[in-house]
Amino acid sequence: MAKKIKISDEAYEKAKEIVEKKGYSSVEELLEHLVDREYTEHSEGGSEEDRLKGLGYIS
């Protein structure tokens, strides 16, 4: 079931810019992706930077 959330007009405009630049189909898709990514990082106990370091992409 879909839920509604409230965000500021400024945040929504920023999200729309990201949608256009990154090719998301909607602001909703972008937000779902961001929540999923943050949840995965939280669940795994590490940050994106730590993950990239572990893979050897950054030092």
N, C-alpha and C. Protein backbone atom coordinates (compact mmCIF):
# COMPACT_ATOMS: atom_id res chain seq x y z
N MET A 1 0.84 -1.18 0.00
CA MET A 1 0.00 0.00 0.00
C MET A 1 0.89 1.25 0.00
N ALA A 2 0.63 2.15 -0.88
CA ALA A 2 1.40 3.39 -0.97
C ALA A 2 1.05 4.33 0.17
N LYS A 3 2.04 5.05 0.63
CA LYS A 3 1.86 6.05 1.69
C LYS A 3 2.26 7.40 1.14
N LYS A 4 1.75 8.45 1.73
CA LYS A 4 2.13 9.80 1.36
C LYS A 4 3.08 10.35 2.40
N ILE A 5 4.08 11.09 1.94
CA ILE A 5 4.97 11.78 2.86
C ILE A 5 5.01 13.25 2.48
N LYS A 6 5.35 14.08 3.45
CA LYS A 6 5.46 15.51 3.19
C LYS A 6 6.92 15.90 3.20
N ILE A 7 7.34 16.64 2.18
CA ILE A 7 8.68 17.20 2.13
C ILE A 7 8.55 18.65 1.71
N SER A 8 9.55 19.43 1.99
CA SER A 8 9.51 20.85 1.63
C SER A 8 9.50 21.00 0.11
N ASP A 9 9.01 22.14 -0.34
CA ASP A 9 9.02 22.43 -1.77
C ASP A 9 10.45 22.41 -2.31
N GLU A 10 11.38 22.94 -1.54
CA GLU A 10 12.78 22.98 -1.95
C GLU A 10 13.33 21.57 -2.15
N ALA A 11 13.05 20.67 -1.22
CA ALA A 11 13.53 19.29 -1.34
C ALA A 11 12.89 18.60 -2.53
N TYR A 12 11.63 18.88 -2.79
CA TYR A 12 10.94 18.27 -3.93
C TYR A 12 11.55 18.75 -5.24
N GLU A 13 11.86 20.03 -5.34
CA GLU A 13 12.48 20.57 -6.56
C GLU A 13 13.86 19.96 -6.78
N LYS A 14 14.61 19.78 -5.71
CA LYS A 14 15.92 19.14 -5.82
C LYS A 14 15.76 17.69 -6.30
N ALA A 15 14.78 17.00 -5.75
CA ALA A 15 14.53 15.62 -6.15
C ALA A 15 14.14 15.55 -7.62
N LYS A 16 13.33 16.49 -8.09
CA LYS A 16 12.94 16.51 -9.50
C LYS A 16 14.15 16.70 -10.40
N GLU A 17 15.10 17.54 -9.98
CA GLU A 17 16.33 17.75 -10.76
C GLU A 17 17.12 16.44 -10.86
N ILE A 18 17.23 15.74 -9.75
CA ILE A 18 17.96 14.47 -9.75
C ILE A 18 17.26 13.47 -10.66
N VAL A 19 15.94 13.41 -10.61
CA VAL A 19 15.17 12.51 -11.47
C VAL A 19 15.50 12.77 -12.93
N GLU A 20 15.53 14.01 -13.32
CA GLU A 20 15.80 14.36 -14.71
C GLU A 20 17.25 14.03 -15.11
N LYS A 21 18.19 14.31 -14.22
CA LYS A 21 19.61 14.10 -14.54
C LYS A 21 20.01 12.63 -14.50
N LYS A 22 19.43 11.87 -13.60
CA LYS A 22 19.85 10.48 -13.40
C LYS A 22 18.96 9.46 -14.11
N GLY A 23 17.84 9.91 -14.67
CA GLY A 23 17.00 9.01 -15.45
C GLY A 23 15.98 8.20 -14.66
N TYR A 24 15.70 8.60 -13.44
CA TYR A 24 14.63 7.93 -12.71
C TYR A 24 13.30 8.23 -13.38
N SER A 25 12.33 7.36 -13.22
CA SER A 25 11.03 7.58 -13.84
C SER A 25 10.17 8.56 -13.05
N SER A 26 10.48 8.74 -11.76
CA SER A 26 9.67 9.62 -10.92
C SER A 26 10.41 9.95 -9.63
N VAL A 27 9.91 10.95 -8.93
CA VAL A 27 10.46 11.27 -7.61
C VAL A 27 10.24 10.09 -6.67
N GLU A 28 9.11 9.42 -6.81
CA GLU A 28 8.82 8.26 -5.96
C GLU A 28 9.88 7.17 -6.14
N GLU A 29 10.26 6.91 -7.41
CA GLU A 29 11.27 5.89 -7.67
C GLU A 29 12.61 6.29 -7.04
N LEU A 30 12.98 7.55 -7.18
CA LEU A 30 14.22 8.04 -6.57
C LEU A 30 14.18 7.83 -5.06
N LEU A 31 13.10 8.23 -4.42
CA LEU A 31 13.02 8.11 -2.96
C LEU A 31 13.05 6.65 -2.52
N GLU A 32 12.39 5.76 -3.26
CA GLU A 32 12.44 4.34 -2.91
C GLU A 32 13.86 3.83 -3.01
N HIS A 33 14.58 4.22 -4.07
CA HIS A 33 15.97 3.80 -4.23
C HIS A 33 16.82 4.29 -3.06
N LEU A 34 16.67 5.56 -2.70
CA LEU A 34 17.47 6.12 -1.61
C LEU A 34 17.17 5.43 -0.28
N VAL A 35 15.91 5.16 -0.02
CA VAL A 35 15.56 4.48 1.23
C VAL A 35 16.13 3.06 1.24
N ASP A 36 16.00 2.35 0.12
CA ASP A 36 16.55 1.00 0.03
C ASP A 36 18.06 1.00 0.25
N ARG A 37 18.75 1.96 -0.36
CA ARG A 37 20.21 2.05 -0.23
C ARG A 37 20.60 2.32 1.22
N GLU A 38 19.93 3.27 1.85
CA GLU A 38 20.23 3.59 3.25
C GLU A 38 19.93 2.41 4.16
N TYR A 39 18.82 1.72 3.90
CA TYR A 39 18.46 0.57 4.72
C TYR A 39 19.51 -0.53 4.60
N THR A 40 19.97 -0.77 3.38
CA THR A 40 21.00 -1.79 3.15
C THR A 40 22.27 -1.43 3.89
N GLU A 41 22.70 -0.18 3.79
CA GLU A 41 23.90 0.26 4.51
C GLU A 41 23.73 0.07 6.01
N HIS A 42 22.57 0.45 6.51
CA HIS A 42 22.30 0.32 7.95
C HIS A 42 22.32 -1.15 8.38
N SER A 43 21.67 -1.99 7.57
CA SER A 43 21.57 -3.41 7.90
C SER A 43 22.93 -4.10 7.86
N GLU A 44 23.78 -3.67 6.94
CA GLU A 44 25.09 -4.30 6.80
C GLU A 44 26.11 -3.70 7.76
N GLY A 45 25.75 -2.59 8.41
CA GLY A 45 26.62 -2.00 9.41
C GLY A 45 27.80 -1.23 8.85
N GLY A 46 27.78 -0.89 7.58
CA GLY A 46 28.89 -0.15 7.01
C GLY A 46 28.39 0.94 6.09
N SER A 47 29.31 1.82 5.75
CA SER A 47 28.95 2.91 4.85
C SER A 47 29.31 2.54 3.42
N GLU A 48 28.82 3.31 2.49
CA GLU A 48 29.16 3.12 1.09
C GLU A 48 30.67 3.26 0.89
N GLU A 49 31.27 4.21 1.58
CA GLU A 49 32.72 4.40 1.48
C GLU A 49 33.46 3.15 1.95
N ASP A 50 33.03 2.58 3.06
CA ASP A 50 33.66 1.36 3.56
C ASP A 50 33.53 0.22 2.55
N ARG A 51 32.37 0.12 1.93
CA ARG A 51 32.14 -0.93 0.94
C ARG A 51 33.06 -0.75 -0.26
N LEU A 52 33.17 0.49 -0.75
CA LEU A 52 34.04 0.75 -1.89
C LEU A 52 35.50 0.52 -1.56
N LYS A 53 35.90 0.85 -0.34
CA LYS A 53 37.27 0.57 0.10
C LYS A 53 37.51 -0.93 0.11
N GLY A 54 36.56 -1.68 0.62
CA GLY A 54 36.68 -3.13 0.67
C GLY A 54 36.79 -3.76 -0.71
N LEU A 55 36.16 -3.15 -1.69
CA LEU A 55 36.23 -3.65 -3.05
C LEU A 55 37.46 -3.15 -3.80
N GLY A 56 38.22 -2.25 -3.17
CA GLY A 56 39.44 -1.76 -3.78
C GLY A 56 39.25 -0.60 -4.73
N TYR A 57 38.06 -0.01 -4.75
CA TYR A 57 37.82 1.12 -5.65
C TYR A 57 38.43 2.42 -5.14
N ILE A 58 38.51 2.57 -3.82
CA ILE A 58 39.13 3.75 -3.23
C ILE A 58 40.06 3.30 -2.12
N SER A 59 41.02 4.17 -1.80
CA SER A 59 41.95 3.79 -0.73
C SER A 59 41.92 4.78 0.40
